[in-house]
């Protein structure tokens, strides 16, 4: 994207996109250095000056951004319900609950329902998610407290911990904590 656009500038356009929830990758290719620090504010992936950028540099930057896109491909959960399509960032999801083949996805301050089963849902999640009950899959990053037969998430939701899932959940959570280092986690097994 260029910085100099007819009645606006590229920074303002990208700022508006970000405010509307866009996760688009942005490379500024422009003739001015004046906005290089503003590009950081809108989380641009790169800022190139036309006069200083050759084809090799542009290809290198574009290739790096394409790798980022490929790596983030699995950072979203997609589902459909009643003709509506939803794309939810995995980091925003607290848990999934299933009842009679209706899955409820709980994320941020929203709840949506769709038809599926937990097995199919789990196939589309990353390793931050774990099944803790026959009807529940939680985001390990959202765990606040763990008790003998229940889990409290950061949004206050209380999720049952099934006996058959408890030992595997304990191992998965400890591994997750070792990798992420969540200092405010209370674990009471």
C-alpha atoms as a PDB file:
ATOM      1  CA  UNK A   1       0.000   0.000   0.000  1.00  0.00           C
ATOM      2  CA  UNK A   2       1.227   3.471  -0.748  1.00  0.00           C
ATOM      3  CA  UNK A   3       1.265   6.188   1.893  1.00  0.00           C
ATOM      4  CA  UNK A   4       0.159   8.905  -0.505  1.00  0.00           C
ATOM      5  CA  UNK A   5      -3.452   8.289  -1.525  1.00  0.00           C
ATOM      6  CA  UNK A   6      -5.717  10.934  -3.087  1.00  0.00           C
ATOM      7  CA  UNK A   7      -7.524  12.587  -0.147  1.00  0.00           C
ATOM      8  CA  UNK A   8      -6.181  10.373   2.620  1.00  0.00           C
ATOM      9  CA  UNK A   9      -3.012   8.536   3.452  1.00  0.00           C
ATOM     10  CA  UNK A  10      -2.239   4.851   3.715  1.00  0.00           C
ATOM     11  CA  UNK A  11      -1.712   5.040   7.468  1.00  0.00           C
ATOM     12  CA  UNK A  12      -5.263   6.336   7.993  1.00  0.00           C
ATOM     13  CA  UNK A  13      -6.689   3.667   5.684  1.00  0.00           C
ATOM     14  CA  UNK A  14      -4.885   0.888   7.569  1.00  0.00           C
ATOM     15  CA  UNK A  15      -5.865   2.394  10.942  1.00  0.00           C
ATOM     16  CA  UNK A  16      -9.527   2.235   9.835  1.00  0.00           C
ATOM     17  CA  UNK A  17      -9.071  -1.386   8.719  1.00  0.00           C
ATOM     18  CA  UNK A  18      -7.559  -2.292  12.106  1.00  0.00           C
ATOM     19  CA  UNK A  19     -10.397  -0.572  13.967  1.00  0.00           C
ATOM     20  CA  UNK A  20     -12.842  -2.704  11.970  1.00  0.00           C
ATOM     21  CA  UNK A  21     -11.000  -5.865  13.023  1.00  0.00           C
ATOM     22  CA  UNK A  22      -8.903  -6.505   9.925  1.00  0.00           C
ATOM     23  CA  UNK A  23      -5.908  -8.791  10.398  1.00  0.00           C
ATOM     24  CA  UNK A  24      -4.598  -8.108   6.889  1.00  0.00           C
ATOM     25  CA  UNK A  25      -0.870  -8.136   6.276  1.00  0.00           C
ATOM     26  CA  UNK A  26       0.338  -4.712   5.172  1.00  0.00           C
ATOM     27  CA  UNK A  27       3.485  -3.720   3.305  1.00  0.00           C
ATOM     28  CA  UNK A  28       3.921  -0.007   2.702  1.00  0.00           C
ATOM     29  CA  UNK A  29       5.750   0.776  -0.539  1.00  0.00           C
ATOM     30  CA  UNK A  30       6.126   4.515  -0.773  1.00  0.00           C
ATOM     31  CA  UNK A  31       8.410   7.388  -1.748  1.00  0.00           C
ATOM     32  CA  UNK A  32       8.587   9.030   1.678  1.00  0.00           C
ATOM     33  CA  UNK A  33      10.234   8.113   4.966  1.00  0.00           C
ATOM     34  CA  UNK A  34       7.984  10.525   6.876  1.00  0.00           C
ATOM     35  CA  UNK A  35       5.529   7.880   8.092  1.00  0.00           C
ATOM     36  CA  UNK A  36       7.848   5.018   8.953  1.00  0.00           C
ATOM     37  CA  UNK A  37       7.160   5.294  12.701  1.00  0.00           C
ATOM     38  CA  UNK A  38       3.409   5.641  12.120  1.00  0.00           C
ATOM     39  CA  UNK A  39       3.552   2.302  10.304  1.00  0.00           C
ATOM     40  CA  UNK A  40       4.454   0.655  13.620  1.00  0.00           C
ATOM     41  CA  UNK A  41       1.302   2.095  15.206  1.00  0.00           C
ATOM     42  CA  UNK A  42      -0.891   0.291  12.665  1.00  0.00           C
ATOM     43  CA  UNK A  43       1.123  -2.962  12.832  1.00  0.00           C
ATOM     44  CA  UNK A  44       2.407  -2.860   9.280  1.00  0.00           C
ATOM     45  CA  UNK A  45       4.548  -5.839   8.346  1.00  0.00           C
ATOM     46  CA  UNK A  46       7.109  -3.784   6.456  1.00  0.00           C
ATOM     47  CA  UNK A  47       7.864  -0.299   5.177  1.00  0.00           C
ATOM     48  CA  UNK A  48       9.779   0.021   1.908  1.00  0.00           C
ATOM     49  CA  UNK A  49      11.059   3.173   0.196  1.00  0.00           C
ATOM     50  CA  UNK A  50      10.575   2.946  -3.576  1.00  0.00           C
ATOM     51  CA  UNK A  51      13.914   4.540  -4.461  1.00  0.00           C
ATOM     52  CA  UNK A  52      15.829   2.195  -2.122  1.00  0.00           C
ATOM     53  CA  UNK A  53      13.939  -0.998  -2.931  1.00  0.00           C
ATOM     54  CA  UNK A  54      15.011  -3.307  -5.722  1.00  0.00           C
ATOM     55  CA  UNK A  55      13.156  -6.356  -7.026  1.00  0.00           C
ATOM     56  CA  UNK A  56      15.154  -8.753  -4.818  1.00  0.00           C
ATOM     57  CA  UNK A  57      14.324  -6.827  -1.639  1.00  0.00           C
ATOM     58  CA  UNK A  58      10.649  -6.622  -2.562  1.00  0.00           C
ATOM     59  CA  UNK A  59      10.525 -10.367  -3.289  1.00  0.00           C
ATOM     60  CA  UNK A  60      12.247 -11.102   0.042  1.00  0.00           C
ATOM     61  CA  UNK A  61       9.762  -8.967   2.004  1.00  0.00           C
ATOM     62  CA  UNK A  62       6.782 -10.391   0.122  1.00  0.00           C
ATOM     63  CA  UNK A  63       8.049 -13.937   0.672  1.00  0.00           C
ATOM     64  CA  UNK A  64       8.407 -13.311   4.423  1.00  0.00           C
ATOM     65  CA  UNK A  65       4.867 -11.941   4.639  1.00  0.00           C
ATOM     66  CA  UNK A  66       3.518 -14.925   2.700  1.00  0.00           C
ATOM     67  CA  UNK A  67       5.223 -17.245   5.208  1.00  0.00           C
ATOM     68  CA  UNK A  68       3.532 -15.312   8.036  1.00  0.00           C
ATOM     69  CA  UNK A  69       0.180 -15.719   6.293  1.00  0.00           C
ATOM     70  CA  UNK A  70       0.743 -19.464   5.928  1.00  0.00           C
ATOM     71  CA  UNK A  71       1.709 -19.737   9.605  1.00  0.00           C
ATOM     72  CA  UNK A  72      -1.386 -17.842  10.755  1.00  0.00           C
ATOM     73  CA  UNK A  73      -3.756 -19.815   8.522  1.00  0.00           C
ATOM     74  CA  UNK A  74      -4.632 -22.017  11.478  1.00  0.00           C
ATOM     75  CA  UNK A  75      -5.178 -19.115  13.895  1.00  0.00           C
ATOM     76  CA  UNK A  76      -8.909 -18.920  13.165  1.00  0.00           C
ATOM     77  CA  UNK A  77     -11.938 -21.128  13.659  1.00  0.00           C
ATOM     78  CA  UNK A  78     -14.491 -21.095  10.843  1.00  0.00           C
ATOM     79  CA  UNK A  79     -18.108 -22.227  11.143  1.00  0.00           C
ATOM     80  CA  UNK A  80     -21.484 -21.670   9.495  1.00  0.00           C
ATOM     81  CA  UNK A  81     -24.963 -21.473  10.954  1.00  0.00           C
ATOM     82  CA  UNK A  82     -28.277 -20.471   9.370  1.00  0.00           C
ATOM     83  CA  UNK A  83     -26.533 -19.281   6.233  1.00  0.00           C
ATOM     84  CA  UNK A  84     -24.143 -17.031   8.187  1.00  0.00           C
ATOM     85  CA  UNK A  85     -20.390 -17.580   8.110  1.00  0.00           C
ATOM     86  CA  UNK A  86     -18.170 -16.848  11.115  1.00  0.00           C
ATOM     87  CA  UNK A  87     -14.393 -16.561  11.410  1.00  0.00           C
ATOM     88  CA  UNK A  88     -13.226 -16.327  15.035  1.00  0.00           C
ATOM     89  CA  UNK A  89      -9.603 -15.869  16.144  1.00  0.00           C
ATOM     90  CA  UNK A  90      -8.623 -18.917  18.226  1.00  0.00           C
ATOM     91  CA  UNK A  91      -7.053 -16.658  20.851  1.00  0.00           C
ATOM     92  CA  UNK A  92     -10.506 -15.149  21.555  1.00  0.00           C
ATOM     93  CA  UNK A  93     -12.244 -18.478  22.184  1.00  0.00           C
ATOM     94  CA  UNK A  94     -12.839 -19.573  25.785  1.00  0.00           C
ATOM     95  CA  UNK A  95     -14.561 -22.912  25.199  1.00  0.00           C
ATOM     96  CA  UNK A  96     -16.824 -25.073  23.087  1.00  0.00           C
ATOM     97  CA  UNK A  97     -19.826 -26.888  24.503  1.00  0.00           C
ATOM     98  CA  UNK A  98     -21.888 -29.494  22.667  1.00  0.00           C
ATOM     99  CA  UNK A  99     -25.434 -30.612  23.407  1.00  0.00           C
ATOM    100  CA  UNK A 100     -27.499 -32.731  20.994  1.00  0.00           C
ATOM    101  CA  UNK A 101     -25.117 -32.035  18.081  1.00  0.00           C
ATOM    102  CA  UNK A 102     -25.377 -28.276  18.616  1.00  0.00           C
ATOM    103  CA  UNK A 103     -22.004 -26.744  19.418  1.00  0.00           C
ATOM    104  CA  UNK A 104     -21.902 -23.455  21.287  1.00  0.00           C
ATOM    105  CA  UNK A 105     -18.706 -21.471  20.810  1.00  0.00           C
ATOM    106  CA  UNK A 106     -18.017 -19.026  23.639  1.00  0.00           C
ATOM    107  CA  UNK A 107     -15.620 -16.241  22.728  1.00  0.00           C
ATOM    108  CA  UNK A 108     -14.951 -12.733  23.972  1.00  0.00           C
ATOM    109  CA  UNK A 109     -18.429 -11.581  24.971  1.00  0.00           C
ATOM    110  CA  UNK A 110     -20.278 -13.596  22.333  1.00  0.00           C
ATOM    111  CA  UNK A 111     -21.889 -16.992  21.973  1.00  0.00           C
ATOM    112  CA  UNK A 112     -22.781 -18.564  18.663  1.00  0.00           C
ATOM    113  CA  UNK A 113     -24.244 -21.975  17.848  1.00  0.00           C
ATOM    114  CA  UNK A 114     -23.723 -24.327  14.939  1.00  0.00           C
ATOM    115  CA  UNK A 115     -24.326 -27.977  14.109  1.00  0.00           C
ATOM    116  CA  UNK A 116     -21.337 -30.290  14.542  1.00  0.00           C
ATOM    117  CA  UNK A 117     -19.686 -32.590  17.047  1.00  0.00           C
ATOM    118  CA  UNK A 118     -16.632 -32.120  19.272  1.00  0.00           C
ATOM    119  CA  UNK A 119     -14.505 -34.522  17.249  1.00  0.00           C
ATOM    120  CA  UNK A 120     -14.887 -32.376  14.124  1.00  0.00           C
ATOM    121  CA  UNK A 121     -14.344 -29.182  16.130  1.00  0.00           C
ATOM    122  CA  UNK A 122     -11.127 -30.511  17.690  1.00  0.00           C
ATOM    123  CA  UNK A 123      -9.745 -31.340  14.245  1.00  0.00           C
ATOM    124  CA  UNK A 124      -9.789 -27.605  13.450  1.00  0.00           C
ATOM    125  CA  UNK A 125      -8.084 -26.374  16.626  1.00  0.00           C
ATOM    126  CA  UNK A 126      -4.465 -25.926  17.661  1.00  0.00           C
ATOM    127  CA  UNK A 127      -2.727 -27.455  20.691  1.00  0.00           C
ATOM    128  CA  UNK A 128      -3.985 -24.693  22.997  1.00  0.00           C
ATOM    129  CA  UNK A 129      -7.307 -26.514  23.143  1.00  0.00           C
ATOM    130  CA  UNK A 130      -8.099 -29.613  25.176  1.00  0.00           C
ATOM    131  CA  UNK A 131     -11.179 -31.745  25.732  1.00  0.00           C
ATOM    132  CA  UNK A 132     -11.927 -31.814  29.471  1.00  0.00           C
ATOM    133  CA  UNK A 133     -15.356 -33.437  29.423  1.00  0.00           C
ATOM    134  CA  UNK A 134     -17.435 -35.326  26.884  1.00  0.00           C
ATOM    135  CA  UNK A 135     -19.272 -32.059  26.176  1.00  0.00           C
ATOM    136  CA  UNK A 136     -16.505 -29.457  26.579  1.00  0.00           C
ATOM    137  CA  UNK A 137     -13.291 -28.346  24.892  1.00  0.00           C
ATOM    138  CA  UNK A 138     -11.461 -25.433  26.512  1.00  0.00           C
ATOM    139  CA  UNK A 139      -8.721 -23.019  25.545  1.00  0.00           C
ATOM    140  CA  UNK A 140      -5.841 -23.732  27.937  1.00  0.00           C
ATOM    141  CA  UNK A 141      -4.744 -20.101  27.679  1.00  0.00           C
ATOM    142  CA  UNK A 142      -8.040 -19.041  29.285  1.00  0.00           C
ATOM    143  CA  UNK A 143      -7.722 -21.241  32.400  1.00  0.00           C
ATOM    144  CA  UNK A 144      -7.723 -19.302  35.642  1.00  0.00           C
ATOM    145  CA  UNK A 145      -8.231 -21.973  38.319  1.00  0.00           C
ATOM    146  CA  UNK A 146      -8.374 -25.766  38.415  1.00  0.00           C
ATOM    147  CA  UNK A 147     -10.115 -27.818  41.076  1.00  0.00           C
ATOM    148  CA  UNK A 148     -10.703 -31.534  41.480  1.00  0.00           C
ATOM    149  CA  UNK A 149     -13.770 -31.664  39.228  1.00  0.00           C
ATOM    150  CA  UNK A 150     -14.074 -28.248  37.656  1.00  0.00           C
ATOM    151  CA  UNK A 151     -12.141 -25.566  35.799  1.00  0.00           C
ATOM    152  CA  UNK A 152     -12.701 -21.832  36.105  1.00  0.00           C
ATOM    153  CA  UNK A 153     -11.899 -19.777  33.026  1.00  0.00           C
ATOM    154  CA  UNK A 154     -10.781 -16.143  32.964  1.00  0.00           C
ATOM    155  CA  UNK A 155     -14.274 -15.011  31.960  1.00  0.00           C
ATOM    156  CA  UNK A 156     -15.738 -16.673  35.092  1.00  0.00           C
ATOM    157  CA  UNK A 157     -17.208 -19.690  33.287  1.00  0.00           C
ATOM    158  CA  UNK A 158     -17.119 -22.875  35.359  1.00  0.00           C
ATOM    159  CA  UNK A 159     -16.470 -25.969  33.238  1.00  0.00           C
ATOM    160  CA  UNK A 160     -16.866 -29.529  34.533  1.00  0.00           C
ATOM    161  CA  UNK A 161     -13.727 -31.680  34.505  1.00  0.00           C
ATOM    162  CA  UNK A 162     -14.638 -35.263  33.653  1.00  0.00           C
ATOM    163  CA  UNK A 163     -12.902 -38.030  35.637  1.00  0.00           C
ATOM    164  CA  UNK A 164     -11.736 -39.794  32.490  1.00  0.00           C
ATOM    165  CA  UNK A 165     -10.127 -36.577  31.207  1.00  0.00           C
ATOM    166  CA  UNK A 166      -8.541 -35.334  34.457  1.00  0.00           C
ATOM    167  CA  UNK A 167      -5.115 -37.014  34.290  1.00  0.00           C
ATOM    168  CA  UNK A 168      -4.532 -36.167  30.626  1.00  0.00           C
ATOM    169  CA  UNK A 169      -5.760 -32.612  31.244  1.00  0.00           C
ATOM    170  CA  UNK A 170      -3.318 -32.184  34.137  1.00  0.00           C
ATOM    171  CA  UNK A 171      -0.406 -33.239  31.911  1.00  0.00           C
ATOM    172  CA  UNK A 172      -1.548 -31.027  29.021  1.00  0.00           C
ATOM    173  CA  UNK A 173      -2.027 -28.018  31.287  1.00  0.00           C
ATOM    174  CA  UNK A 174       1.355 -28.437  32.978  1.00  0.00           C
ATOM    175  CA  UNK A 175       3.028 -28.730  29.570  1.00  0.00           C
ATOM    176  CA  UNK A 176       1.158 -25.645  28.383  1.00  0.00           C
ATOM    177  CA  UNK A 177       2.131 -23.673  31.491  1.00  0.00           C
ATOM    178  CA  UNK A 178       5.781 -24.682  31.074  1.00  0.00           C
ATOM    179  CA  UNK A 179       5.676 -23.389  27.501  1.00  0.00           C
ATOM    180  CA  UNK A 180       3.697 -20.224  28.157  1.00  0.00           C
ATOM    181  CA  UNK A 181       4.574 -19.497  31.800  1.00  0.00           C
ATOM    182  CA  UNK A 182       1.252 -18.241  33.186  1.00  0.00           C
ATOM    183  CA  UNK A 183       2.230 -16.789  36.595  1.00  0.00           C
ATOM    184  CA  UNK A 184      -1.290 -16.150  37.904  1.00  0.00           C
ATOM    185  CA  UNK A 185      -2.544 -19.708  37.411  1.00  0.00           C
ATOM    186  CA  UNK A 186      -3.770 -21.507  40.539  1.00  0.00           C
ATOM    187  CA  UNK A 187      -3.596 -25.303  40.243  1.00  0.00           C
ATOM    188  CA  UNK A 188      -5.203 -27.476  42.932  1.00  0.00           C
ATOM    189  CA  UNK A 189      -5.159 -31.181  41.977  1.00  0.00           C
END
